[in-house]
Each structure stands twice: as C-alpha cells, then as structure tokens.
Amino acid sequence: DRDSRLQLLHGSLVYFDARLPVGVDVALLMEV
C-alpha cells in the first residue's frame, strides 16, 4: 500500500486477465 510501483493481483494464469500488461520486459514463472 506504500509502493506505487508495485501491484498485487489475485488471478489465475490459465485465464486471460486484462489487468496484466501486454509486452512487458520480463515475466517470471518460478516453481509454478
């Protein structure tokens, strides 16, 4: 709540979520 550069989202990776930005630099799927 104190960091405007951080966003936490509740969601599943097996459904498209329009809140996720397209074409970002890096995506991590670590032990997922």
PDB file of all heavy atoms in Angstrom:
ATOM      1  N   ASP A   1       0.819  -1.216   0.000  1.00  0.00           N
ATOM      2  CA  ASP A   1       0.000   0.000   0.000  1.00  0.00           C
ATOM      3  C   ASP A   1       0.853   1.267   0.000  1.00  0.00           C
ATOM      4  O   ASP A   1       0.349   2.355  -0.216  1.00  0.00           O
ATOM      5  CB  ASP A   1      -0.956  -0.004   1.193  1.00  0.00           C
ATOM      6  CG  ASP A   1      -0.243  -0.108   2.535  1.00  0.00           C
ATOM      7  OD1 ASP A   1       0.873  -0.675   2.591  1.00  0.00           O
ATOM      8  OD2 ASP A   1      -0.806   0.367   3.528  1.00  0.00           O
ATOM      9  N   ARG A   2       2.157   1.122   0.222  1.00  0.00           N
ATOM     10  CA  ARG A   2       3.059   2.273   0.267  1.00  0.00           C
ATOM     11  C   ARG A   2       3.937   2.391  -0.977  1.00  0.00           C
ATOM     12  O   ARG A   2       4.847   3.202  -1.018  1.00  0.00           O
ATOM     13  CB  ARG A   2       3.980   2.168   1.479  1.00  0.00           C
ATOM     14  CG  ARG A   2       3.261   2.160   2.788  1.00  0.00           C
ATOM     15  CD  ARG A   2       4.259   2.111   3.911  1.00  0.00           C
ATOM     16  NE  ARG A   2       3.599   1.689   5.143  1.00  0.00           N
ATOM     17  CZ  ARG A   2       4.230   1.228   6.186  1.00  0.00           C
ATOM     18  NH1 ARG A   2       5.546   1.131   6.174  1.00  0.00           N
ATOM     19  NH2 ARG A   2       3.574   0.873   7.256  1.00  0.00           N
ATOM     20  N   ASP A   3       3.720   1.541  -1.972  1.00  0.00           N
ATOM     21  CA  ASP A   3       4.609   1.497  -3.131  1.00  0.00           C
ATOM     22  C   ASP A   3       3.793   1.563  -4.416  1.00  0.00           C
ATOM     23  O   ASP A   3       3.162   0.582  -4.812  1.00  0.00           O
ATOM     24  CB  ASP A   3       5.443   0.217  -3.092  1.00  0.00           C
ATOM     25  CG  ASP A   3       6.544   0.191  -4.129  1.00  0.00           C
ATOM     26  OD1 ASP A   3       6.486   0.983  -5.094  1.00  0.00           O
ATOM     27  OD2 ASP A   3       7.460  -0.638  -3.987  1.00  0.00           O
ATOM     28  N   SER A   4       3.827   2.702  -5.072  1.00  0.00           N
ATOM     29  CA  SER A   4       3.036   2.883  -6.296  1.00  0.00           C
ATOM     30  C   SER A   4       3.592   2.096  -7.475  1.00  0.00           C
ATOM     31  O   SER A   4       2.903   1.925  -8.478  1.00  0.00           O
ATOM     32  CB  SER A   4       2.969   4.370  -6.657  1.00  0.00           C
ATOM     33  OG  SER A   4       4.271   4.860  -6.939  1.00  0.00           O
ATOM     34  N   ARG A   5       4.820   1.593  -7.382  1.00  0.00           N
ATOM     35  CA  ARG A   5       5.415   0.806  -8.470  1.00  0.00           C
ATOM     36  C   ARG A   5       5.122  -0.676  -8.334  1.00  0.00           C
ATOM     37  O   ARG A   5       5.573  -1.476  -9.142  1.00  0.00           O
ATOM     38  CB  ARG A   5       6.914   1.044  -8.531  1.00  0.00           C
ATOM     39  CG  ARG A   5       7.293   2.444  -8.996  1.00  0.00           C
ATOM     40  CD  ARG A   5       8.794   2.653  -9.036  1.00  0.00           C
ATOM     41  NE  ARG A   5       9.519   2.008  -7.950  1.00  0.00           N
ATOM     42  CZ  ARG A   5       9.670   2.494  -6.718  1.00  0.00           C
ATOM     43  NH1 ARG A   5       9.116   3.644  -6.398  1.00  0.00           N
ATOM     44  NH2 ARG A   5      10.355   1.853  -5.812  1.00  0.00           N
ATOM     45  N   LEU A   6       4.378  -1.072  -7.307  1.00  0.00           N
ATOM     46  CA  LEU A   6       4.075  -2.477  -7.046  1.00  0.00           C
ATOM     47  C   LEU A   6       2.576  -2.706  -7.089  1.00  0.00           C
ATOM     48  O   LEU A   6       1.812  -1.987  -6.459  1.00  0.00           O
ATOM     49  CB  LEU A   6       4.615  -2.876  -5.668  1.00  0.00           C
ATOM     50  CG  LEU A   6       4.266  -4.272  -5.177  1.00  0.00           C
ATOM     51  CD1 LEU A   6       4.915  -5.333  -6.060  1.00  0.00           C
ATOM     52  CD2 LEU A   6       4.700  -4.441  -3.734  1.00  0.00           C
ATOM     53  N   GLN A   7       2.181  -3.725  -7.828  1.00  0.00           N
ATOM     54  CA  GLN A   7       0.777  -4.083  -7.919  1.00  0.00           C
ATOM     55  C   GLN A   7       0.657  -5.587  -7.668  1.00  0.00           C
ATOM     56  O   GLN A   7       1.379  -6.385  -8.265  1.00  0.00           O
ATOM     57  CB  GLN A   7       0.251  -3.744  -9.315  1.00  0.00           C
ATOM     58  CG  GLN A   7      -1.211  -3.985  -9.496  1.00  0.00           C
ATOM     59  CD  GLN A   7      -1.679  -3.591 -10.899  1.00  0.00           C
ATOM     60  OE1 GLN A   7      -0.900  -3.401 -11.816  1.00  0.00           O
ATOM     61  NE2 GLN A   7      -2.985  -3.487 -11.054  1.00  0.00           N
ATOM     62  N   LEU A   8      -0.248  -5.972  -6.771  1.00  0.00           N
ATOM     63  CA  LEU A   8      -0.525  -7.371  -6.494  1.00  0.00           C
ATOM     64  C   LEU A   8      -1.930  -7.696  -6.978  1.00  0.00           C
ATOM     65  O   LEU A   8      -2.879  -6.978  -6.664  1.00  0.00           O
ATOM     66  CB  LEU A   8      -0.404  -7.664  -4.992  1.00  0.00           C
ATOM     67  CG  LEU A   8       0.983  -7.472  -4.386  1.00  0.00           C
ATOM     68  CD1 LEU A   8       0.933  -7.687  -2.882  1.00  0.00           C
ATOM     69  CD2 LEU A   8       1.996  -8.403  -5.031  1.00  0.00           C
ATOM     70  N   LEU A   9      -2.042  -8.788  -7.738  1.00  0.00           N
ATOM     71  CA  LEU A   9      -3.313  -9.169  -8.340  1.00  0.00           C
ATOM     72  C   LEU A   9      -3.689 -10.592  -7.974  1.00  0.00           C
ATOM     73  O   LEU A   9      -2.844 -11.488  -8.011  1.00  0.00           O
ATOM     74  CB  LEU A   9      -3.220  -9.075  -9.870  1.00  0.00           C
ATOM     75  CG  LEU A   9      -2.788  -7.741 -10.455  1.00  0.00           C
ATOM     76  CD1 LEU A   9      -2.560  -7.873 -11.955  1.00  0.00           C
ATOM     77  CD2 LEU A   9      -3.826  -6.676 -10.150  1.00  0.00           C
ATOM     78  N   HIS A  10      -4.951 -10.785  -7.649  1.00  0.00           N
ATOM     79  CA  HIS A  10      -5.478 -12.126  -7.415  1.00  0.00           C
ATOM     80  C   HIS A  10      -6.022 -12.623  -8.746  1.00  0.00           C
ATOM     81  O   HIS A  10      -6.879 -11.986  -9.352  1.00  0.00           O
ATOM     82  CB  HIS A  10      -6.584 -12.082  -6.357  1.00  0.00           C
ATOM     83  CG  HIS A  10      -7.117 -13.418  -6.025  1.00  0.00           C
ATOM     84  ND1 HIS A  10      -8.460 -13.714  -6.118  1.00  0.00           N
ATOM     85  CD2 HIS A  10      -6.506 -14.551  -5.607  1.00  0.00           C
ATOM     86  CE1 HIS A  10      -8.643 -14.969  -5.760  1.00  0.00           C
ATOM     87  NE2 HIS A  10      -7.473 -15.490  -5.456  1.00  0.00           N
ATOM     88  N   GLY A  11      -5.486 -13.754  -9.226  1.00  0.00           N
ATOM     89  CA  GLY A  11      -5.942 -14.278 -10.507  1.00  0.00           C
ATOM     90  C   GLY A  11      -5.231 -15.566 -10.862  1.00  0.00           C
ATOM     91  O   GLY A  11      -4.308 -16.002 -10.183  1.00  0.00           O
ATOM     92  N   SER A  12      -5.667 -16.142 -11.958  1.00  0.00           N
ATOM     93  CA  SER A  12      -5.134 -17.417 -12.438  1.00  0.00           C
ATOM     94  C   SER A  12      -4.444 -17.228 -13.782  1.00  0.00           C
ATOM     95  O   SER A  12      -4.923 -16.458 -14.626  1.00  0.00           O
ATOM     96  CB  SER A  12      -6.276 -18.429 -12.591  1.00  0.00           C
ATOM     97  OG  SER A  12      -5.820 -19.591 -13.235  1.00  0.00           O
ATOM     98  N   LEU A  13      -3.379 -17.947 -13.987  1.00  0.00           N
ATOM     99  CA  LEU A  13      -2.620 -17.865 -15.230  1.00  0.00           C
ATOM    100  C   LEU A  13      -3.259 -18.642 -16.370  1.00  0.00           C
ATOM    101  O   LEU A  13      -2.760 -18.606 -17.486  1.00  0.00           O
ATOM    102  CB  LEU A  13      -1.204 -18.394 -15.005  1.00  0.00           C
ATOM    103  CG  LEU A  13      -0.417 -17.656 -13.953  1.00  0.00           C
ATOM    104  CD1 LEU A  13       0.921 -18.324 -13.721  1.00  0.00           C
ATOM    105  CD2 LEU A  13      -0.229 -16.220 -14.365  1.00  0.00           C
ATOM    106  N   VAL A  14      -4.320 -19.346 -16.100  1.00  0.00           N
ATOM    107  CA  VAL A  14      -4.960 -20.115 -17.168  1.00  0.00           C
ATOM    108  C   VAL A  14      -6.174 -19.382 -17.730  1.00  0.00           C
ATOM    109  O   VAL A  14      -6.932 -19.937 -18.516  1.00  0.00           O
ATOM    110  CB  VAL A  14      -5.318 -21.552 -16.727  1.00  0.00           C
ATOM    111  CG1 VAL A  14      -4.057 -22.332 -16.404  1.00  0.00           C
ATOM    112  CG2 VAL A  14      -6.271 -21.550 -15.561  1.00  0.00           C
ATOM    113  N   TYR A  15      -6.338 -18.119 -17.331  1.00  0.00           N
ATOM    114  CA  TYR A  15      -7.379 -17.255 -17.876  1.00  0.00           C
ATOM    115  C   TYR A  15      -6.740 -15.914 -18.193  1.00  0.00           C
ATOM    116  O   TYR A  15      -5.961 -15.397 -17.401  1.00  0.00           O
ATOM    117  CB  TYR A  15      -8.520 -17.029 -16.878  1.00  0.00           C
ATOM    118  CG  TYR A  15      -9.183 -18.295 -16.440  1.00  0.00           C
ATOM    119  CD1 TYR A  15      -8.882 -18.869 -15.206  1.00  0.00           C
ATOM    120  CD2 TYR A  15     -10.091 -18.953 -17.267  1.00  0.00           C
ATOM    121  CE1 TYR A  15      -9.480 -20.052 -14.800  1.00  0.00           C
ATOM    122  CE2 TYR A  15     -10.691 -20.145 -16.873  1.00  0.00           C
ATOM    123  CZ  TYR A  15     -10.384 -20.677 -15.645  1.00  0.00           C
ATOM    124  OH  TYR A  15     -10.966 -21.848 -15.252  1.00  0.00           O
ATOM    125  N   PHE A  16      -7.091 -15.335 -19.315  1.00  0.00           N
ATOM    126  CA  PHE A  16      -6.570 -14.006 -19.632  1.00  0.00           C
ATOM    127  C   PHE A  16      -7.128 -13.012 -18.620  1.00  0.00           C
ATOM    128  O   PHE A  16      -8.302 -13.018 -18.297  1.00  0.00           O
ATOM    129  CB  PHE A  16      -6.942 -13.576 -21.049  1.00  0.00           C
ATOM    130  CG  PHE A  16      -6.556 -12.153 -21.316  1.00  0.00           C
ATOM    131  CD1 PHE A  16      -5.227 -11.792 -21.418  1.00  0.00           C
ATOM    132  CD2 PHE A  16      -7.523 -11.172 -21.409  1.00  0.00           C
ATOM    133  CE1 PHE A  16      -4.859 -10.473 -21.622  1.00  0.00           C
ATOM    134  CE2 PHE A  16      -7.169  -9.846 -21.623  1.00  0.00           C
ATOM    135  CZ  PHE A  16      -5.836  -9.494 -21.728  1.00  0.00           C
ATOM    136  N   ASP A  17      -6.275 -12.136 -18.156  1.00  0.00           N
ATOM    137  CA  ASP A  17      -6.648 -11.102 -17.194  1.00  0.00           C
ATOM    138  C   ASP A  17      -6.223  -9.757 -17.761  1.00  0.00           C
ATOM    139  O   ASP A  17      -5.023  -9.487 -17.897  1.00  0.00           O
ATOM    140  CB  ASP A  17      -5.959 -11.371 -15.851  1.00  0.00           C
ATOM    141  CG  ASP A  17      -6.477 -10.505 -14.737  1.00  0.00           C
ATOM    142  OD1 ASP A  17      -6.731  -9.308 -14.977  1.00  0.00           O
ATOM    143  OD2 ASP A  17      -6.616 -11.019 -13.613  1.00  0.00           O
ATOM    144  N   ALA A  18      -7.179  -8.930 -18.116  1.00  0.00           N
ATOM    145  CA  ALA A  18      -6.898  -7.639 -18.753  1.00  0.00           C
ATOM    146  C   ALA A  18      -6.096  -6.697 -17.864  1.00  0.00           C
ATOM    147  O   ALA A  18      -5.554  -5.703 -18.355  1.00  0.00           O
ATOM    148  CB  ALA A  18      -8.201  -6.976 -19.182  1.00  0.00           C
ATOM    149  N   ARG A  19      -5.996  -6.984 -16.563  1.00  0.00           N
ATOM    150  CA  ARG A  19      -5.189  -6.140 -15.675  1.00  0.00           C
ATOM    151  C   ARG A  19      -3.698  -6.332 -15.906  1.00  0.00           C
ATOM    152  O   ARG A  19      -2.898  -5.481 -15.526  1.00  0.00           O
ATOM    153  CB  ARG A  19      -5.520  -6.428 -14.211  1.00  0.00           C
ATOM    154  CG  ARG A  19      -6.964  -6.143 -13.842  1.00  0.00           C
ATOM    155  CD  ARG A  19      -7.265  -6.609 -12.432  1.00  0.00           C
ATOM    156  NE  ARG A  19      -7.077  -8.052 -12.336  1.00  0.00           N
ATOM    157  CZ  ARG A  19      -7.075  -8.738 -11.196  1.00  0.00           C
ATOM    158  NH1 ARG A  19      -7.235  -8.108 -10.036  1.00  0.00           N
ATOM    159  NH2 ARG A  19      -6.914 -10.047 -11.195  1.00  0.00           N
ATOM    160  N   LEU A  20      -3.310  -7.461 -16.519  1.00  0.00           N
ATOM    161  CA  LEU A  20      -1.895  -7.735 -16.767  1.00  0.00           C
ATOM    162  C   LEU A  20      -1.431  -6.975 -18.003  1.00  0.00           C
ATOM    163  O   LEU A  20      -2.089  -7.008 -19.042  1.00  0.00           O
ATOM    164  CB  LEU A  20      -1.658  -9.229 -16.972  1.00  0.00           C
ATOM    165  CG  LEU A  20      -1.838 -10.106 -15.736  1.00  0.00           C
ATOM    166  CD1 LEU A  20      -1.762 -11.577 -16.109  1.00  0.00           C
ATOM    167  CD2 LEU A  20      -0.800  -9.770 -14.679  1.00  0.00           C
ATOM    168  N   PRO A  21      -0.287  -6.307 -17.898  1.00  0.00           N
ATOM    169  CA  PRO A  21       0.218  -5.558 -19.046  1.00  0.00           C
ATOM    170  C   PRO A  21       0.762  -6.478 -20.139  1.00  0.00           C
ATOM    171  O   PRO A  21       1.366  -7.509 -19.850  1.00  0.00           O
ATOM    172  CB  PRO A  21       1.335  -4.695 -18.443  1.00  0.00           C
ATOM    173  CG  PRO A  21       1.749  -5.410 -17.208  1.00  0.00           C
ATOM    174  CD  PRO A  21       0.544  -6.151 -16.714  1.00  0.00           C
ATOM    175  N   VAL A  22       0.534  -6.103 -21.378  1.00  0.00           N
ATOM    176  CA  VAL A  22       0.997  -6.866 -22.539  1.00  0.00           C
ATOM    177  C   VAL A  22       2.350  -6.320 -22.978  1.00  0.00           C
ATOM    178  O   VAL A  22       2.588  -5.110 -22.935  1.00  0.00           O
ATOM    179  CB  VAL A  22      -0.032  -6.763 -23.687  1.00  0.00           C
ATOM    180  CG1 VAL A  22       0.492  -7.396 -24.966  1.00  0.00           C
ATOM    181  CG2 VAL A  22      -1.350  -7.397 -23.260  1.00  0.00           C
ATOM    182  N   GLY A  23       3.253  -7.225 -23.405  1.00  0.00           N
ATOM    183  CA  GLY A  23       4.531  -6.822 -23.967  1.00  0.00           C
ATOM    184  C   GLY A  23       5.543  -6.304 -22.973  1.00  0.00           C
ATOM    185  O   GLY A  23       6.423  -5.523 -23.337  1.00  0.00           O
ATOM    186  N   VAL A  24       5.446  -6.726 -21.726  1.00  0.00           N
ATOM    187  CA  VAL A  24       6.399  -6.247 -20.709  1.00  0.00           C
ATOM    188  C   VAL A  24       7.790  -6.806 -20.970  1.00  0.00           C
ATOM    189  O   VAL A  24       7.989  -7.689 -21.804  1.00  0.00           O
ATOM    190  CB  VAL A  24       5.950  -6.607 -19.269  1.00  0.00           C
ATOM    191  CG1 VAL A  24       4.631  -5.969 -18.933  1.00  0.00           C
ATOM    192  CG2 VAL A  24       5.934  -8.092 -19.064  1.00  0.00           C
ATOM    193  N   ASP A  25       8.731  -6.314 -20.212  1.00  0.00           N
ATOM    194  CA  ASP A  25      10.122  -6.722 -20.381  1.00  0.00           C
ATOM    195  C   ASP A  25      10.351  -8.171 -19.968  1.00  0.00           C
ATOM    196  O   ASP A  25      10.938  -8.956 -20.715  1.00  0.00           O
ATOM    197  CB  ASP A  25      11.037  -5.810 -19.551  1.00  0.00           C
ATOM    198  CG  ASP A  25      10.864  -4.354 -19.941  1.00  0.00           C
ATOM    199  OD1 ASP A  25      11.025  -4.046 -21.138  1.00  0.00           O
ATOM    200  OD2 ASP A  25      10.542  -3.541 -19.060  1.00  0.00           O
ATOM    201  N   VAL A  26       9.886  -8.532 -18.756  1.00  0.00           N
ATOM    202  CA  VAL A  26      10.194  -9.848 -18.196  1.00  0.00           C
ATOM    203  C   VAL A  26       8.975 -10.408 -17.480  1.00  0.00           C
ATOM    204  O   VAL A  26       8.291  -9.687 -16.749  1.00  0.00           O
ATOM    205  CB  VAL A  26      11.369  -9.758 -17.181  1.00  0.00           C
ATOM    206  CG1 VAL A  26      11.687 -11.122 -16.582  1.00  0.00           C
ATOM    207  CG2 VAL A  26      12.617  -9.170 -17.836  1.00  0.00           C
ATOM    208  N   ALA A  27       8.742 -11.701 -17.670  1.00  0.00           N
ATOM    209  CA  ALA A  27       7.744 -12.431 -16.883  1.00  0.00           C
ATOM    210  C   ALA A  27       8.447 -13.616 -16.226  1.00  0.00           C
ATOM    211  O   ALA A  27       9.252 -14.310 -16.865  1.00  0.00           O
ATOM    212  CB  ALA A  27       6.599 -12.928 -17.762  1.00  0.00           C
ATOM    213  N   LEU A  28       8.152 -13.827 -14.965  1.00  0.00           N
ATOM    214  CA  LEU A  28       8.732 -14.932 -14.200  1.00  0.00           C
ATOM    215  C   LEU A  28       7.649 -15.951 -13.876  1.00  0.00           C
ATOM    216  O   LEU A  28       6.561 -15.585 -13.433  1.00  0.00           O
ATOM    217  CB  LEU A  28       9.314 -14.412 -12.882  1.00  0.00           C
ATOM    218  CG  LEU A  28      10.317 -13.269 -12.963  1.00  0.00           C
ATOM    219  CD1 LEU A  28      10.676 -12.792 -11.563  1.00  0.00           C
ATOM    220  CD2 LEU A  28      11.550 -13.696 -13.734  1.00  0.00           C
ATOM    221  N   LEU A  29       7.966 -17.220 -14.092  1.00  0.00           N
ATOM    222  CA  LEU A  29       7.123 -18.334 -13.650  1.00  0.00           C
ATOM    223  C   LEU A  29       8.060 -19.263 -12.879  1.00  0.00           C
ATOM    224  O   LEU A  29       8.591 -20.232 -13.414  1.00  0.00           O
ATOM    225  CB  LEU A  29       6.507 -19.061 -14.850  1.00  0.00           C
ATOM    226  CG  LEU A  29       5.451 -18.266 -15.589  1.00  0.00           C
ATOM    227  CD1 LEU A  29       5.675 -18.327 -17.081  1.00  0.00           C
ATOM    228  CD2 LEU A  29       4.087 -18.793 -15.231  1.00  0.00           C
ATOM    229  N   MET A  30       8.287 -18.922 -11.628  1.00  0.00           N
ATOM    230  CA  MET A  30       9.267 -19.643 -10.823  1.00  0.00           C
ATOM    231  C   MET A  30       8.564 -20.649  -9.922  1.00  0.00           C
ATOM    232  O   MET A  30       7.828 -20.269  -9.023  1.00  0.00           O
ATOM    233  CB  MET A  30      10.097 -18.639 -10.028  1.00  0.00           C
ATOM    234  CG  MET A  30      10.864 -17.714 -10.967  1.00  0.00           C
ATOM    235  SD  MET A  30      11.823 -16.448 -10.140  1.00  0.00           S
ATOM    236  CE  MET A  30      12.959 -17.439  -9.215  1.00  0.00           C
ATOM    237  N   GLU A  31       8.820 -21.926 -10.224  1.00  0.00           N
ATOM    238  CA  GLU A  31       8.216 -23.031  -9.474  1.00  0.00           C
ATOM    239  C   GLU A  31       6.693 -22.912  -9.521  1.00  0.00           C
ATOM    240  O   GLU A  31       6.020 -22.988  -8.498  1.00  0.00           O
ATOM    241  CB  GLU A  31       8.733 -23.065  -8.030  1.00  0.00           C
ATOM    242  CG  GLU A  31      10.246 -23.138  -7.923  1.00  0.00           C
ATOM    243  CD  GLU A  31      10.864 -24.384  -8.549  1.00  0.00           C
ATOM    244  OE1 GLU A  31      10.422 -25.503  -8.252  1.00  0.00           O
ATOM    245  OE2 GLU A  31      11.800 -24.224  -9.364  1.00  0.00           O
ATOM    246  N   VAL A  32       6.153 -22.748 -10.725  1.00  0.00           N
ATOM    247  CA  VAL A  32       4.719 -22.558 -10.920  1.00  0.00           C
ATOM    248  C   VAL A  32       4.101 -23.670 -11.758  1.00  0.00           C
ATOM    249  O   VAL A  32       3.076 -24.231 -11.389  1.00  0.00           O
ATOM    250  CB  VAL A  32       4.444 -21.179 -11.587  1.00  0.00           C
ATOM    251  CG1 VAL A  32       2.995 -21.049 -12.011  1.00  0.00           C
ATOM    252  CG2 VAL A  32       4.831 -20.053 -10.644  1.00  0.00           C
TER     253      VAL A  32
END
